[in-house]
Amino acid sequence: IGCKGCKRDCPSGVDMAKLKTEVKHEHHNREGIPFRDKLFANVETLYSLGSTLAPVSNWATKLPGSGVIMEKTLGIARERELPTFTRETLQKWNRSRTPAVSEHEADRKALVIADPYTNYTHPEVGKAAVRTLEAAGVHVDIPDEVTDSGRPAHSKSLIDQSRATARANTEALVDYIEAGWDIISVEPSDAVMYQEDYLDLLSGDGVEAVSKNTYSIMEYLDRFQ
């Protein structure tokens, strides 16, 4: 239910994901936070390490018996295919290129957020998003200071951690928004995090600006192109 699809489908708009997060947060406060939840709440660090050590990190997950170990220690089904990491992240690719549409030529300019999944394991998805936006005449950049939206921690009900991430991201993004940039997330659940969950975690003009000016890639193309 963390995708919030249930809220959109429910005629009454009941936010079961929010209720689940609050209940699990209270449980963590009483019983402690399992190591598995801590690990998955910090995928930015985990994926960054995997990318730095690639291709060795990719070989390690293919070793005989690695699936059994992951299942017994972390509860990850041995049949599950683990992420494959790349050394050239989406952010590194962006630093080495010249935008196809310059800022003075474009009617709009947009920041594409390099979320951990896109940045470290599937940068081709982010590259496709950038090229699509540029084909539509948008000036595109990828910020270095914003990656993790806080969704991983929030999905594990580590609210204090997700709130800290939301605050840091809001402080970084509000300056861009004031300068006329739109914010785009390739990952739909991250887009919802910026648009809705940040408003639960924080208050003020800054977070409201982030909420109003963040779009998923398809929302953005549908609205402005």
Protein backbone atom coordinates (compact mmCIF):
# COMPACT_ATOMS: atom_id res chain seq x y z
CA ILE A 1 0.00 0.00 0.00
CA GLY A 2 3.02 2.28 0.04
CA CYS A 3 2.40 3.32 -3.58
CA LYS A 4 -0.75 5.21 -2.49
CA GLY A 5 -2.74 3.58 -5.26
CA CYS A 6 -5.32 2.62 -2.65
CA LYS A 7 -5.89 6.29 -1.80
CA ARG A 8 -6.55 7.17 -5.42
CA ASP A 9 -8.84 4.18 -5.90
CA CYS A 10 -10.80 4.64 -2.66
CA PRO A 11 -14.01 6.69 -3.16
CA SER A 12 -13.48 8.22 0.29
CA GLY A 13 -9.79 8.96 -0.31
CA VAL A 14 -8.62 7.09 2.80
CA ASP A 15 -4.83 7.28 2.96
CA MET A 16 -4.01 3.77 4.16
CA ALA A 17 -0.31 4.29 3.44
CA LYS A 18 -0.22 7.20 5.87
CA LEU A 19 -2.06 5.21 8.53
CA LYS A 20 0.34 2.29 8.07
CA THR A 21 3.33 4.60 8.39
CA GLU A 22 2.07 6.11 11.65
CA VAL A 23 1.23 2.71 13.17
CA LYS A 24 4.61 1.20 12.27
CA HIS A 25 6.40 4.31 13.53
CA GLU A 26 4.75 3.90 16.92
CA HIS A 27 5.68 0.21 16.89
CA HIS A 28 9.32 1.12 16.17
CA ASN A 29 9.30 3.56 19.08
CA ARG A 30 8.13 0.81 21.41
CA GLU A 31 9.93 -2.25 20.07
CA GLY A 32 12.94 -0.86 18.23
CA ILE A 33 13.79 -0.78 14.52
CA PRO A 34 14.72 -4.09 12.84
CA PHE A 35 18.04 -4.16 11.00
CA ARG A 36 16.25 -5.04 7.76
CA ASP A 37 14.15 -1.87 7.95
CA LYS A 38 17.24 0.24 8.69
CA LEU A 39 19.02 -1.27 5.70
CA PHE A 40 16.23 -0.64 3.22
CA ALA A 41 15.61 2.83 4.63
CA ASN A 42 19.16 3.75 3.61
CA VAL A 43 19.26 2.51 0.03
CA GLU A 44 21.00 5.72 -1.06
CA THR A 45 24.07 4.69 0.94
CA LEU A 46 23.73 1.03 -0.04
CA TYR A 47 23.31 1.73 -3.75
CA SER A 48 26.09 4.31 -3.76
CA LEU A 49 28.44 1.69 -2.31
CA GLY A 50 27.26 -0.88 -4.85
CA SER A 51 27.92 1.55 -7.68
CA THR A 52 31.38 2.43 -6.36
CA LEU A 53 32.34 -1.25 -6.12
CA ALA A 54 30.81 -2.30 -9.46
CA PRO A 55 31.33 -4.70 -11.16
CA VAL A 56 32.56 -6.58 -8.09
CA SER A 57 29.28 -5.87 -6.28
CA ASN A 58 27.36 -7.38 -9.19
CA TRP A 59 29.49 -10.53 -9.19
CA ALA A 60 28.99 -10.96 -5.44
CA THR A 61 25.23 -11.31 -5.79
CA LYS A 62 25.68 -14.03 -8.44
CA LEU A 63 27.91 -16.27 -6.29
CA PRO A 64 26.46 -19.69 -5.42
CA GLY A 65 24.65 -19.56 -2.11
CA SER A 66 24.33 -15.75 -2.02
CA GLY A 67 20.57 -15.98 -2.44
CA VAL A 68 20.23 -18.35 0.50
CA ILE A 69 22.34 -16.06 2.69
CA MET A 70 20.24 -13.01 1.76
CA GLU A 71 17.04 -14.92 2.48
CA LYS A 72 18.16 -16.10 5.90
CA THR A 73 19.73 -12.83 7.03
CA LEU A 74 17.52 -10.18 5.44
CA GLY A 75 14.36 -11.99 4.45
CA ILE A 76 14.89 -11.39 0.72
CA ALA A 77 13.52 -14.33 -1.24
CA ARG A 78 16.32 -16.27 -2.90
CA GLU A 79 14.37 -16.23 -6.17
CA ARG A 80 14.42 -12.43 -6.27
CA GLU A 81 16.78 -10.83 -8.76
CA LEU A 82 18.95 -8.25 -7.01
CA PRO A 83 19.85 -4.85 -8.50
CA THR A 84 22.73 -4.55 -10.92
CA PHE A 85 24.89 -1.49 -10.30
CA THR A 86 26.65 0.75 -12.81
CA ARG A 87 29.81 2.80 -12.34
CA GLU A 88 28.55 5.65 -14.51
CA THR A 89 25.64 7.08 -12.55
CA LEU A 90 23.04 9.38 -14.05
CA GLN A 91 24.65 12.31 -12.24
CA LYS A 92 28.11 11.49 -13.66
CA TRP A 93 26.65 11.22 -17.15
CA ASN A 94 24.98 14.61 -16.77
CA ARG A 95 28.19 16.32 -15.62
CA SER A 96 30.01 15.17 -18.77
CA ARG A 97 27.44 16.37 -21.30
CA THR A 98 26.27 19.62 -22.84
CA PRO A 99 22.48 20.15 -22.64
CA ALA A 100 20.79 19.81 -26.02
CA VAL A 101 18.59 22.82 -25.23
CA SER A 102 20.29 25.84 -23.71
CA GLU A 103 18.60 27.81 -20.96
CA HIS A 104 18.05 30.93 -23.09
CA GLU A 105 16.49 28.87 -25.93
CA ALA A 106 13.96 27.08 -23.73
CA ASP A 107 10.47 28.14 -22.66
CA ARG A 108 10.78 25.98 -19.53
CA LYS A 109 13.62 24.54 -17.48
CA ALA A 110 13.41 21.44 -15.34
CA LEU A 111 15.48 19.56 -12.77
CA VAL A 112 15.33 15.79 -13.14
CA ILE A 113 15.96 14.19 -9.75
CA ALA A 114 18.42 11.29 -9.81
CA ASP A 115 16.69 8.99 -7.34
CA PRO A 116 18.79 6.05 -6.05
CA TYR A 117 17.09 3.48 -8.29
CA THR A 118 17.55 5.55 -11.45
CA ASN A 119 20.94 6.98 -10.53
CA TYR A 120 22.80 3.82 -9.58
CA THR A 121 21.00 0.89 -11.21
CA HIS A 122 18.97 2.12 -14.20
CA PRO A 123 20.51 5.38 -15.44
CA GLU A 124 19.22 4.63 -18.94
CA VAL A 125 15.72 5.45 -17.68
CA GLY A 126 16.87 8.87 -16.51
CA LYS A 127 18.76 9.46 -19.75
CA ALA A 128 15.62 8.66 -21.73
CA ALA A 129 13.65 11.13 -19.60
CA VAL A 130 16.23 13.85 -20.20
CA ARG A 131 16.28 13.25 -23.95
CA THR A 132 12.47 13.24 -24.11
CA LEU A 133 12.26 16.54 -22.26
CA GLU A 134 14.94 18.07 -24.46
CA ALA A 135 13.09 16.88 -27.56
CA ALA A 136 10.13 18.84 -26.20
CA GLY A 137 12.28 21.98 -25.95
CA VAL A 138 12.94 21.91 -22.19
CA HIS A 139 16.28 22.92 -20.70
CA VAL A 140 17.25 20.09 -18.34
CA ASP A 141 19.73 19.69 -15.52
CA ILE A 142 20.26 17.10 -12.77
CA PRO A 143 21.13 18.40 -9.29
CA ASP A 144 23.93 16.82 -7.30
CA GLU A 145 22.54 17.81 -3.90
CA VAL A 146 19.20 15.98 -4.16
CA THR A 147 18.86 12.23 -4.75
CA ASP A 148 16.95 10.33 -2.08
CA SER A 149 13.45 11.79 -1.65
CA GLY A 150 13.06 10.16 1.75
CA ARG A 151 10.66 7.57 0.33
CA PRO A 152 12.75 4.53 1.40
CA ALA A 153 12.85 5.65 5.04
CA HIS A 154 9.21 6.72 4.94
CA SER A 155 8.14 3.36 3.50
CA LYS A 156 9.76 1.72 6.54
CA SER A 157 8.07 4.20 8.89
CA LEU A 158 11.30 5.90 9.93
CA ILE A 159 9.51 9.23 10.04
CA ASP A 160 12.24 11.20 11.80
CA GLN A 161 14.70 10.20 9.10
CA SER A 162 12.32 10.92 6.21
CA ARG A 163 11.46 14.30 7.75
CA ALA A 164 15.14 15.23 7.96
CA THR A 165 15.60 14.28 4.29
CA ALA A 166 12.48 16.22 3.31
CA ARG A 167 13.75 19.31 5.12
CA ALA A 168 17.18 19.16 3.47
CA ASN A 169 15.69 18.61 0.02
CA THR A 170 13.17 21.41 0.46
CA GLU A 171 15.92 23.83 1.43
CA ALA A 172 17.88 22.83 -1.67
CA LEU A 173 14.97 22.84 -4.13
CA VAL A 174 13.19 26.01 -3.10
CA ASP A 175 16.02 28.16 -4.47
CA TYR A 176 15.69 26.44 -7.84
CA ILE A 177 11.92 26.91 -7.84
CA GLU A 178 12.28 30.61 -7.08
CA ALA A 179 14.64 30.80 -10.06
CA GLY A 180 11.93 29.32 -12.31
CA TRP A 181 12.85 25.64 -12.36
CA ASP A 182 10.30 22.83 -12.39
CA ILE A 183 11.07 19.62 -10.45
CA ILE A 184 10.63 16.25 -12.17
CA SER A 185 10.81 12.76 -10.70
CA VAL A 186 11.20 9.73 -12.96
CA GLU A 187 10.18 7.43 -10.10
CA PRO A 188 6.38 7.79 -9.50
CA SER A 189 6.50 6.99 -5.78
CA ASP A 190 9.13 9.71 -5.31
CA ALA A 191 6.94 12.21 -7.14
CA VAL A 192 4.13 11.45 -4.69
CA MET A 193 6.60 11.88 -1.82
CA TYR A 194 7.41 15.43 -2.91
CA GLN A 195 3.82 16.27 -3.80
CA GLU A 196 1.96 14.82 -0.80
CA ASP A 197 4.07 13.25 1.93
CA TYR A 198 6.30 16.29 2.36
CA LEU A 199 3.20 18.25 3.34
CA ASP A 200 2.60 15.73 6.14
CA LEU A 201 6.18 15.97 7.34
CA LEU A 202 6.79 19.73 7.09
CA SER A 203 4.95 23.03 6.95
CA GLY A 204 5.70 26.42 5.44
CA ASP A 205 5.93 28.20 2.11
CA GLY A 206 9.01 26.26 1.03
CA VAL A 207 7.50 22.80 1.20
CA GLU A 208 4.28 24.05 -0.39
CA ALA A 209 6.31 25.40 -3.29
CA VAL A 210 8.06 22.04 -3.70
CA SER A 211 4.72 20.23 -3.63
CA LYS A 212 3.15 22.51 -6.25
CA ASN A 213 6.10 22.48 -8.61
CA THR A 214 7.02 18.78 -8.62
CA TYR A 215 5.75 16.45 -11.34
CA SER A 216 6.23 12.91 -12.50
CA ILE A 217 7.70 12.82 -15.99
CA MET A 218 4.39 11.88 -17.61
CA GLU A 219 2.44 14.51 -15.64
CA TYR A 220 4.89 17.14 -16.79
CA LEU A 221 4.73 16.22 -20.47
CA ASP A 222 0.94 15.99 -20.33
CA ARG A 223 0.58 19.40 -18.71
CA PHE A 224 3.16 21.51 -20.50
CA GLN A 225 3.89 19.89 -23.86
